[in-house]
Amino acid sequence: HSRRLVEHLGEDENGGVLRVSMVHYNTPEQVDR
């Protein structure tokens, strides 16, 4: 839902961007996984 920004950055091709959303109850081990 940040389409204008993604288009402005030229990152709208090939499925756009990947995004990982973490919070405090995630662990370093999960990042490694």
PDB file of all heavy atoms in Angstrom:
ATOM      1  N   HIS A   1       0.807  -1.217   0.000  1.00  0.00           N
ATOM      2  CA  HIS A   1       0.000   0.000   0.000  1.00  0.00           C
ATOM      3  C   HIS A   1       0.848   1.280   0.000  1.00  0.00           C
ATOM      4  O   HIS A   1       0.342   2.354   0.306  1.00  0.00           O
ATOM      5  CB  HIS A   1      -0.994   0.022   1.168  1.00  0.00           C
ATOM      6  CG  HIS A   1      -2.084  -1.003   1.024  1.00  0.00           C
ATOM      7  ND1 HIS A   1      -1.972  -2.290   1.510  1.00  0.00           N
ATOM      8  CD2 HIS A   1      -3.292  -0.944   0.426  1.00  0.00           C
ATOM      9  CE1 HIS A   1      -3.065  -2.971   1.231  1.00  0.00           C
ATOM     10  NE2 HIS A   1      -3.885  -2.184   0.563  1.00  0.00           N
ATOM     11  N   SER A   2       2.114   1.152  -0.317  1.00  0.00           N
ATOM     12  CA  SER A   2       2.976   2.326  -0.526  1.00  0.00           C
ATOM     13  C   SER A   2       3.365   2.370  -1.997  1.00  0.00           C
ATOM     14  O   SER A   2       4.546   2.443  -2.354  1.00  0.00           O
ATOM     15  CB  SER A   2       4.224   2.239   0.363  1.00  0.00           C
ATOM     16  OG  SER A   2       3.882   2.318   1.714  1.00  0.00           O
ATOM     17  N   ARG A   3       2.358   2.319  -2.840  1.00  0.00           N
ATOM     18  CA  ARG A   3       2.617   2.159  -4.274  1.00  0.00           C
ATOM     19  C   ARG A   3       3.371   3.330  -4.878  1.00  0.00           C
ATOM     20  O   ARG A   3       4.287   3.149  -5.685  1.00  0.00           O
ATOM     21  CB  ARG A   3       1.288   1.951  -5.022  1.00  0.00           C
ATOM     22  CG  ARG A   3       1.465   1.677  -6.510  1.00  0.00           C
ATOM     23  CD  ARG A   3       0.196   1.135  -7.138  1.00  0.00           C
ATOM     24  NE  ARG A   3      -0.169  -0.132  -6.511  1.00  0.00           N
ATOM     25  CZ  ARG A   3      -1.266  -0.823  -6.834  1.00  0.00           C
ATOM     26  NH1 ARG A   3      -2.096  -0.360  -7.745  1.00  0.00           N
ATOM     27  NH2 ARG A   3      -1.542  -1.966  -6.231  1.00  0.00           N
ATOM     28  N   ARG A   4       2.994   4.550  -4.485  1.00  0.00           N
ATOM     29  CA  ARG A   4       3.697   5.708  -5.050  1.00  0.00           C
ATOM     30  C   ARG A   4       5.183   5.657  -4.710  1.00  0.00           C
ATOM     31  O   ARG A   4       6.031   5.971  -5.551  1.00  0.00           O
ATOM     32  CB  ARG A   4       3.088   7.011  -4.531  1.00  0.00           C
ATOM     33  CG  ARG A   4       1.730   7.349  -5.120  1.00  0.00           C
ATOM     34  CD  ARG A   4       1.305   8.757  -4.716  1.00  0.00           C
ATOM     35  NE  ARG A   4       0.005   9.113  -5.256  1.00  0.00           N
ATOM     36  CZ  ARG A   4      -1.153   8.889  -4.640  1.00  0.00           C
ATOM     37  NH1 ARG A   4      -1.162   8.299  -3.451  1.00  0.00           N
ATOM     38  NH2 ARG A   4      -2.300   9.248  -5.186  1.00  0.00           N
ATOM     39  N   LEU A   5       5.498   5.288  -3.483  1.00  0.00           N
ATOM     40  CA  LEU A   5       6.898   5.221  -3.067  1.00  0.00           C
ATOM     41  C   LEU A   5       7.640   4.130  -3.827  1.00  0.00           C
ATOM     42  O   LEU A   5       8.739   4.359  -4.336  1.00  0.00           O
ATOM     43  CB  LEU A   5       6.985   4.964  -1.566  1.00  0.00           C
ATOM     44  CG  LEU A   5       8.388   4.726  -1.006  1.00  0.00           C
ATOM     45  CD1 LEU A   5       9.281   5.937  -1.249  1.00  0.00           C
ATOM     46  CD2 LEU A   5       8.325   4.391   0.478  1.00  0.00           C
ATOM     47  N   VAL A   6       7.038   2.946  -3.910  1.00  0.00           N
ATOM     48  CA  VAL A   6       7.693   1.836  -4.602  1.00  0.00           C
ATOM     49  C   VAL A   6       7.891   2.167  -6.084  1.00  0.00           C
ATOM     50  O   VAL A   6       8.953   1.877  -6.648  1.00  0.00           O
ATOM     51  CB  VAL A   6       6.880   0.534  -4.412  1.00  0.00           C
ATOM     52  CG1 VAL A   6       7.435  -0.584  -5.289  1.00  0.00           C
ATOM     53  CG2 VAL A   6       6.906   0.114  -2.952  1.00  0.00           C
ATOM     54  N   GLU A   7       6.908   2.798  -6.684  1.00  0.00           N
ATOM     55  CA  GLU A   7       7.062   3.206  -8.085  1.00  0.00           C
ATOM     56  C   GLU A   7       8.129   4.286  -8.227  1.00  0.00           C
ATOM     57  O   GLU A   7       8.927   4.258  -9.176  1.00  0.00           O
ATOM     58  CB  GLU A   7       5.717   3.701  -8.627  1.00  0.00           C
ATOM     59  CG  GLU A   7       4.698   2.594  -8.819  1.00  0.00           C
ATOM     60  CD  GLU A   7       3.346   3.111  -9.276  1.00  0.00           C
ATOM     61  OE1 GLU A   7       3.115   4.344  -9.221  1.00  0.00           O
ATOM     62  OE2 GLU A   7       2.508   2.289  -9.705  1.00  0.00           O
ATOM     63  N   HIS A   8       8.149   5.237  -7.303  1.00  0.00           N
ATOM     64  CA  HIS A   8       9.152   6.304  -7.342  1.00  0.00           C
ATOM     65  C   HIS A   8      10.565   5.738  -7.217  1.00  0.00           C
ATOM     66  O   HIS A   8      11.500   6.222  -7.871  1.00  0.00           O
ATOM     67  CB  HIS A   8       8.897   7.300  -6.212  1.00  0.00           C
ATOM     68  CG  HIS A   8       9.944   8.367  -6.097  1.00  0.00           C
ATOM     69  ND1 HIS A   8      10.044   9.419  -6.981  1.00  0.00           N
ATOM     70  CD2 HIS A   8      10.950   8.535  -5.189  1.00  0.00           C
ATOM     71  CE1 HIS A   8      11.071  10.194  -6.630  1.00  0.00           C
ATOM     72  NE2 HIS A   8      11.624   9.679  -5.550  1.00  0.00           N
ATOM     73  N   LEU A   9      10.716   4.704  -6.426  1.00  0.00           N
ATOM     74  CA  LEU A   9      12.026   4.074  -6.244  1.00  0.00           C
ATOM     75  C   LEU A   9      12.380   3.147  -7.401  1.00  0.00           C
ATOM     76  O   LEU A   9      13.512   2.655  -7.469  1.00  0.00           O
ATOM     77  CB  LEU A   9      12.051   3.283  -4.933  1.00  0.00           C
ATOM     78  CG  LEU A   9      11.909   4.095  -3.644  1.00  0.00           C
ATOM     79  CD1 LEU A   9      11.782   3.161  -2.443  1.00  0.00           C
ATOM     80  CD2 LEU A   9      13.097   5.039  -3.464  1.00  0.00           C
ATOM     81  N   GLY A  10      11.423   2.910  -8.293  1.00  0.00           N
ATOM     82  CA  GLY A  10      11.669   2.013  -9.415  1.00  0.00           C
ATOM     83  C   GLY A  10      11.738   0.555  -9.014  1.00  0.00           C
ATOM     84  O   GLY A  10      12.371  -0.262  -9.682  1.00  0.00           O
ATOM     85  N   GLU A  11      11.049   0.206  -7.910  1.00  0.00           N
ATOM     86  CA  GLU A  11      11.111  -1.152  -7.393  1.00  0.00           C
ATOM     87  C   GLU A  11       9.798  -1.902  -7.599  1.00  0.00           C
ATOM     88  O   GLU A  11       9.534  -2.902  -6.930  1.00  0.00           O
ATOM     89  CB  GLU A  11      11.452  -1.125  -5.894  1.00  0.00           C
ATOM     90  CG  GLU A  11      12.768  -0.468  -5.546  1.00  0.00           C
ATOM     91  CD  GLU A  11      13.977  -1.277  -6.001  1.00  0.00           C
ATOM     92  OE1 GLU A  11      13.793  -2.374  -6.562  1.00  0.00           O
ATOM     93  OE2 GLU A  11      15.111  -0.805  -5.782  1.00  0.00           O
ATOM     94  N   ASP A  12       8.970  -1.443  -8.518  1.00  0.00           N
ATOM     95  CA  ASP A  12       7.661  -2.057  -8.720  1.00  0.00           C
ATOM     96  C   ASP A  12       7.683  -3.223  -9.701  1.00  0.00           C
ATOM     97  O   ASP A  12       6.669  -3.910  -9.872  1.00  0.00           O
ATOM     98  CB  ASP A  12       6.642  -1.009  -9.186  1.00  0.00           C
ATOM     99  CG  ASP A  12       7.132  -0.222 -10.404  1.00  0.00           C
ATOM    100  OD1 ASP A  12       8.316   0.164 -10.416  1.00  0.00           O
ATOM    101  OD2 ASP A  12       6.339   0.004 -11.330  1.00  0.00           O
ATOM    102  N   GLU A  13       8.810  -3.473 -10.348  1.00  0.00           N
ATOM    103  CA  GLU A  13       8.898  -4.589 -11.286  1.00  0.00           C
ATOM    104  C   GLU A  13       9.172  -5.896 -10.539  1.00  0.00           C
ATOM    105  O   GLU A  13       9.616  -5.902  -9.392  1.00  0.00           O
ATOM    106  CB  GLU A  13      10.011  -4.332 -12.310  1.00  0.00           C
ATOM    107  CG  GLU A  13       9.812  -3.070 -13.148  1.00  0.00           C
ATOM    108  CD  GLU A  13       8.600  -3.148 -14.054  1.00  0.00           C
ATOM    109  OE1 GLU A  13       8.260  -4.276 -14.479  1.00  0.00           O
ATOM    110  OE2 GLU A  13       7.974  -2.101 -14.337  1.00  0.00           O
ATOM    111  N   ASN A  14       8.907  -7.005 -11.220  1.00  0.00           N
ATOM    112  CA  ASN A  14       9.216  -8.338 -10.675  1.00  0.00           C
ATOM    113  C   ASN A  14       8.648  -8.548  -9.270  1.00  0.00           C
ATOM    114  O   ASN A  14       9.339  -8.997  -8.352  1.00  0.00           O
ATOM    115  CB  ASN A  14      10.733  -8.575 -10.654  1.00  0.00           C
ATOM    116  CG  ASN A  14      11.325  -8.663 -12.047  1.00  0.00           C
ATOM    117  OD1 ASN A  14      10.689  -9.148 -12.978  1.00  0.00           O
ATOM    118  ND2 ASN A  14      12.540  -8.171 -12.205  1.00  0.00           N
ATOM    119  N   GLY A  15       7.380  -8.212  -9.116  1.00  0.00           N
ATOM    120  CA  GLY A  15       6.701  -8.505  -7.860  1.00  0.00           C
ATOM    121  C   GLY A  15       6.920  -7.501  -6.753  1.00  0.00           C
ATOM    122  O   GLY A  15       6.535  -7.748  -5.605  1.00  0.00           O
ATOM    123  N   GLY A  16       7.551  -6.381  -7.068  1.00  0.00           N
ATOM    124  CA  GLY A  16       7.783  -5.377  -6.035  1.00  0.00           C
ATOM    125  C   GLY A  16       8.890  -5.800  -5.084  1.00  0.00           C
ATOM    126  O   GLY A  16       9.865  -6.445  -5.477  1.00  0.00           O
ATOM    127  N   VAL A  17       8.740  -5.456  -3.805  1.00  0.00           N
ATOM    128  CA  VAL A  17       9.786  -5.733  -2.816  1.00  0.00           C
ATOM    129  C   VAL A  17       9.342  -6.849  -1.880  1.00  0.00           C
ATOM    130  O   VAL A  17       8.152  -7.118  -1.724  1.00  0.00           O
ATOM    131  CB  VAL A  17      10.133  -4.470  -1.999  1.00  0.00           C
ATOM    132  CG1 VAL A  17      10.557  -3.345  -2.925  1.00  0.00           C
ATOM    133  CG2 VAL A  17       8.962  -4.033  -1.126  1.00  0.00           C
ATOM    134  N   LEU A  18      10.311  -7.488  -1.265  1.00  0.00           N
ATOM    135  CA  LEU A  18      10.055  -8.409  -0.166  1.00  0.00           C
ATOM    136  C   LEU A  18      10.086  -7.617   1.132  1.00  0.00           C
ATOM    137  O   LEU A  18      10.815  -6.633   1.245  1.00  0.00           O
ATOM    138  CB  LEU A  18      11.127  -9.501  -0.124  1.00  0.00           C
ATOM    139  CG  LEU A  18      11.133 -10.480  -1.289  1.00  0.00           C
ATOM    140  CD1 LEU A  18      12.482 -11.161  -1.398  1.00  0.00           C
ATOM    141  CD2 LEU A  18      10.022 -11.513  -1.121  1.00  0.00           C
ATOM    142  N   ARG A  19       9.313  -8.060   2.120  1.00  0.00           N
ATOM    143  CA  ARG A  19       9.340  -7.355   3.401  1.00  0.00           C
ATOM    144  C   ARG A  19       9.229  -8.341   4.544  1.00  0.00           C
ATOM    145  O   ARG A  19       8.378  -9.223   4.535  1.00  0.00           O
ATOM    146  CB  ARG A  19       8.223  -6.319   3.499  1.00  0.00           C
ATOM    147  CG  ARG A  19       8.402  -5.391   4.708  1.00  0.00           C
ATOM    148  CD  ARG A  19       7.311  -4.326   4.773  1.00  0.00           C
ATOM    149  NE  ARG A  19       6.037  -4.884   5.224  1.00  0.00           N
ATOM    150  CZ  ARG A  19       4.944  -4.154   5.443  1.00  0.00           C
ATOM    151  NH1 ARG A  19       4.972  -2.848   5.206  1.00  0.00           N
ATOM    152  NH2 ARG A  19       3.827  -4.717   5.856  1.00  0.00           N
ATOM    153  N   VAL A  20      10.112  -8.158   5.510  1.00  0.00           N
ATOM    154  CA  VAL A  20      10.083  -8.943   6.738  1.00  0.00           C
ATOM    155  C   VAL A  20       9.675  -8.013   7.876  1.00  0.00           C
ATOM    156  O   VAL A  20      10.277  -6.958   8.059  1.00  0.00           O
ATOM    157  CB  VAL A  20      11.466  -9.551   7.029  1.00  0.00           C
ATOM    158  CG1 VAL A  20      11.474 -10.229   8.392  1.00  0.00           C
ATOM    159  CG2 VAL A  20      11.846 -10.539   5.943  1.00  0.00           C
ATOM    160  N   SER A  21       8.661  -8.410   8.630  1.00  0.00           N
ATOM    161  CA  SER A  21       8.173  -7.589   9.738  1.00  0.00           C
ATOM    162  C   SER A  21       8.352  -8.371  11.037  1.00  0.00           C
ATOM    163  O   SER A  21       7.668  -9.375  11.264  1.00  0.00           O
ATOM    164  CB  SER A  21       6.700  -7.233   9.538  1.00  0.00           C
ATOM    165  OG  SER A  21       6.526  -6.472   8.363  1.00  0.00           O
ATOM    166  N   MET A  22       9.269  -7.909  11.863  1.00  0.00           N
ATOM    167  CA  MET A  22       9.559  -8.571  13.139  1.00  0.00           C
ATOM    168  C   MET A  22       9.110  -7.680  14.295  1.00  0.00           C
ATOM    169  O   MET A  22       8.956  -6.474  14.136  1.00  0.00           O
ATOM    170  CB  MET A  22      11.056  -8.856  13.245  1.00  0.00           C
ATOM    171  CG  MET A  22      11.592  -9.744  12.132  1.00  0.00           C
ATOM    172  SD  MET A  22      13.377 -10.013  12.212  1.00  0.00           S
ATOM    173  CE  MET A  22      14.006  -8.377  11.748  1.00  0.00           C
ATOM    174  N   VAL A  23       8.916  -8.300  15.440  1.00  0.00           N
ATOM    175  CA  VAL A  23       8.584  -7.568  16.660  1.00  0.00           C
ATOM    176  C   VAL A  23       9.384  -8.170  17.810  1.00  0.00           C
ATOM    177  O   VAL A  23      10.177  -9.098  17.615  1.00  0.00           O
ATOM    178  CB  VAL A  23       7.072  -7.606  16.972  1.00  0.00           C
ATOM    179  CG1 VAL A  23       6.290  -6.762  15.986  1.00  0.00           C
ATOM    180  CG2 VAL A  23       6.552  -9.041  16.976  1.00  0.00           C
ATOM    181  N   HIS A  24       9.149  -7.652  19.017  1.00  0.00           N
ATOM    182  CA  HIS A  24      10.005  -7.988  20.146  1.00  0.00           C
ATOM    183  C   HIS A  24       9.936  -9.442  20.581  1.00  0.00           C
ATOM    184  O   HIS A  24      10.859  -9.936  21.226  1.00  0.00           O
ATOM    185  CB  HIS A  24       9.658  -7.087  21.337  1.00  0.00           C
ATOM    186  CG  HIS A  24       8.241  -7.238  21.805  1.00  0.00           C
ATOM    187  ND1 HIS A  24       7.181  -6.658  21.128  1.00  0.00           N
ATOM    188  CD2 HIS A  24       7.699  -7.902  22.867  1.00  0.00           C
ATOM    189  CE1 HIS A  24       6.060  -6.952  21.759  1.00  0.00           C
ATOM    190  NE2 HIS A  24       6.337  -7.708  22.804  1.00  0.00           N
ATOM    191  N   TYR A  25       8.856 -10.146  20.268  1.00  0.00           N
ATOM    192  CA  TYR A  25       8.787 -11.547  20.684  1.00  0.00           C
ATOM    193  C   TYR A  25       9.383 -12.489  19.650  1.00  0.00           C
ATOM    194  O   TYR A  25       9.339 -13.712  19.823  1.00  0.00           O
ATOM    195  CB  TYR A  25       7.355 -11.965  21.055  1.00  0.00           C
ATOM    196  CG  TYR A  25       6.289 -11.604  20.059  1.00  0.00           C
ATOM    197  CD1 TYR A  25       6.152 -12.273  18.856  1.00  0.00           C
ATOM    198  CD2 TYR A  25       5.385 -10.584  20.348  1.00  0.00           C
ATOM    199  CE1 TYR A  25       5.154 -11.951  17.957  1.00  0.00           C
ATOM    200  CE2 TYR A  25       4.379 -10.242  19.467  1.00  0.00           C
ATOM    201  CZ  TYR A  25       4.268 -10.932  18.272  1.00  0.00           C
ATOM    202  OH  TYR A  25       3.284 -10.599  17.376  1.00  0.00           O
ATOM    203  N   ASN A  26       9.950 -11.947  18.582  1.00  0.00           N
ATOM    204  CA  ASN A  26      10.776 -12.762  17.693  1.00  0.00           C
ATOM    205  C   ASN A  26      12.156 -12.945  18.312  1.00  0.00           C
ATOM    206  O   ASN A  26      12.558 -12.192  19.208  1.00  0.00           O
ATOM    207  CB  ASN A  26      10.895 -12.121  16.313  1.00  0.00           C
ATOM    208  CG  ASN A  26       9.586 -12.188  15.540  1.00  0.00           C
ATOM    209  OD1 ASN A  26       9.040 -11.170  15.130  1.00  0.00           O
ATOM    210  ND2 ASN A  26       9.061 -13.391  15.340  1.00  0.00           N
ATOM    211  N   THR A  27      12.873 -13.943  17.833  1.00  0.00           N
ATOM    212  CA  THR A  27      14.158 -14.300  18.428  1.00  0.00           C
ATOM    213  C   THR A  27      15.270 -14.274  17.390  1.00  0.00           C
ATOM    214  O   THR A  27      15.004 -14.395  16.180  1.00  0.00           O
ATOM    215  CB  THR A  27      14.098 -15.707  19.038  1.00  0.00           C
ATOM    216  OG1 THR A  27      13.903 -16.660  17.967  1.00  0.00           O
ATOM    217  CG2 THR A  27      12.955 -15.828  20.036  1.00  0.00           C
ATOM    218  N   PRO A  28      16.541 -14.138  17.819  1.00  0.00           N
ATOM    219  CA  PRO A  28      17.661 -14.230  16.873  1.00  0.00           C
ATOM    220  C   PRO A  28      17.668 -15.560  16.123  1.00  0.00           C
ATOM    221  O   PRO A  28      18.042 -15.607  14.942  1.00  0.00           O
ATOM    222  CB  PRO A  28      18.888 -14.088  17.783  1.00  0.00           C
ATOM    223  CG  PRO A  28      18.395 -13.308  18.954  1.00  0.00           C
ATOM    224  CD  PRO A  28      16.991 -13.770  19.178  1.00  0.00           C
ATOM    225  N   GLU A  29      17.252 -16.627  16.807  1.00  0.00           N
ATOM    226  CA  GLU A  29      17.211 -17.939  16.152  1.00  0.00           C
ATOM    227  C   GLU A  29      16.218 -17.942  14.995  1.00  0.00           C
ATOM    228  O   GLU A  29      16.453 -18.593  13.961  1.00  0.00           O
ATOM    229  CB  GLU A  29      16.832 -19.018  17.169  1.00  0.00           C
ATOM    230  CG  GLU A  29      17.894 -19.293  18.221  1.00  0.00           C
ATOM    231  CD  GLU A  29      17.977 -18.224  19.290  1.00  0.00           C
ATOM    232  OE1 GLU A  29      16.997 -17.448  19.444  1.00  0.00           O
ATOM    233  OE2 GLU A  29      19.014 -18.156  19.989  1.00  0.00           O
ATOM    234  N   GLN A  30      15.126 -17.224  15.133  1.00  0.00           N
ATOM    235  CA  GLN A  30      14.156 -17.129  14.044  1.00  0.00           C
ATOM    236  C   GLN A  30      14.720 -16.326  12.870  1.00  0.00           C
ATOM    237  O   GLN A  30      14.428 -16.629  11.713  1.00  0.00           O
ATOM    238  CB  GLN A  30      12.858 -16.503  14.553  1.00  0.00           C
ATOM    239  CG  GLN A  30      12.066 -17.427  15.459  1.00  0.00           C
ATOM    240  CD  GLN A  30      10.828 -16.771  16.035  1.00  0.00           C
ATOM    241  OE1 GLN A  30      10.815 -15.576  16.328  1.00  0.00           O
ATOM    242  NE2 GLN A  30       9.775 -17.545  16.220  1.00  0.00           N
ATOM    243  N   VAL A  31      15.513 -15.303  13.171  1.00  0.00           N
ATOM    244  CA  VAL A  31      16.168 -14.557  12.093  1.00  0.00           C
ATOM    245  C   VAL A  31      17.115 -15.476  11.336  1.00  0.00           C
ATOM    246  O   VAL A  31      17.169 -15.456  10.097  1.00  0.00           O
ATOM    247  CB  VAL A  31      16.931 -13.339  12.646  1.00  0.00           C
ATOM    248  CG1 VAL A  31      17.667 -12.614  11.524  1.00  0.00           C
ATOM    249  CG2 VAL A  31      15.980 -12.384  13.347  1.00  0.00           C
ATOM    250  N   ASP A  32      17.867 -16.298  12.056  1.00  0.00           N
ATOM    251  CA  ASP A  32      18.784 -17.236  11.401  1.00  0.00           C
ATOM    252  C   ASP A  32      18.022 -18.249  10.559  1.00  0.00           C
ATOM    253  O   ASP A  32      18.464 -18.616   9.460  1.00  0.00           O
ATOM    254  CB  ASP A  32      19.627 -17.956  12.452  1.00  0.00           C
ATOM    255  CG  ASP A  32      20.602 -17.020  13.157  1.00  0.00           C
ATOM    256  OD1 ASP A  32      20.865 -15.924  12.627  1.00  0.00           O
ATOM    257  OD2 ASP A  32      21.081 -17.387  14.250  1.00  0.00           O
ATOM    258  N   ARG A  33      16.896 -18.701  11.069  1.00  0.00           N
ATOM    259  CA  ARG A  33      16.062 -19.629  10.296  1.00  0.00           C
ATOM    260  C   ARG A  33      15.568 -18.959   9.014  1.00  0.00           C
ATOM    261  O   ARG A  33      15.529 -19.586   7.950  1.00  0.00           O
ATOM    262  CB  ARG A  33      14.888 -20.073  11.173  1.00  0.00           C
ATOM    263  CG  ARG A  33      13.962 -21.074  10.516  1.00  0.00           C
ATOM    264  CD  ARG A  33      12.843 -21.470  11.475  1.00  0.00           C
ATOM    265  NE  ARG A  33      11.694 -21.980  10.747  1.00  0.00           N
ATOM    266  CZ  ARG A  33      10.449 -21.904  11.181  1.00  0.00           C
ATOM    267  NH1 ARG A  33      10.193 -21.320  12.338  1.00  0.00           N
ATOM    268  NH2 ARG A  33       9.461 -22.400  10.472  1.00  0.00           N
TER     269      ARG A  33
END
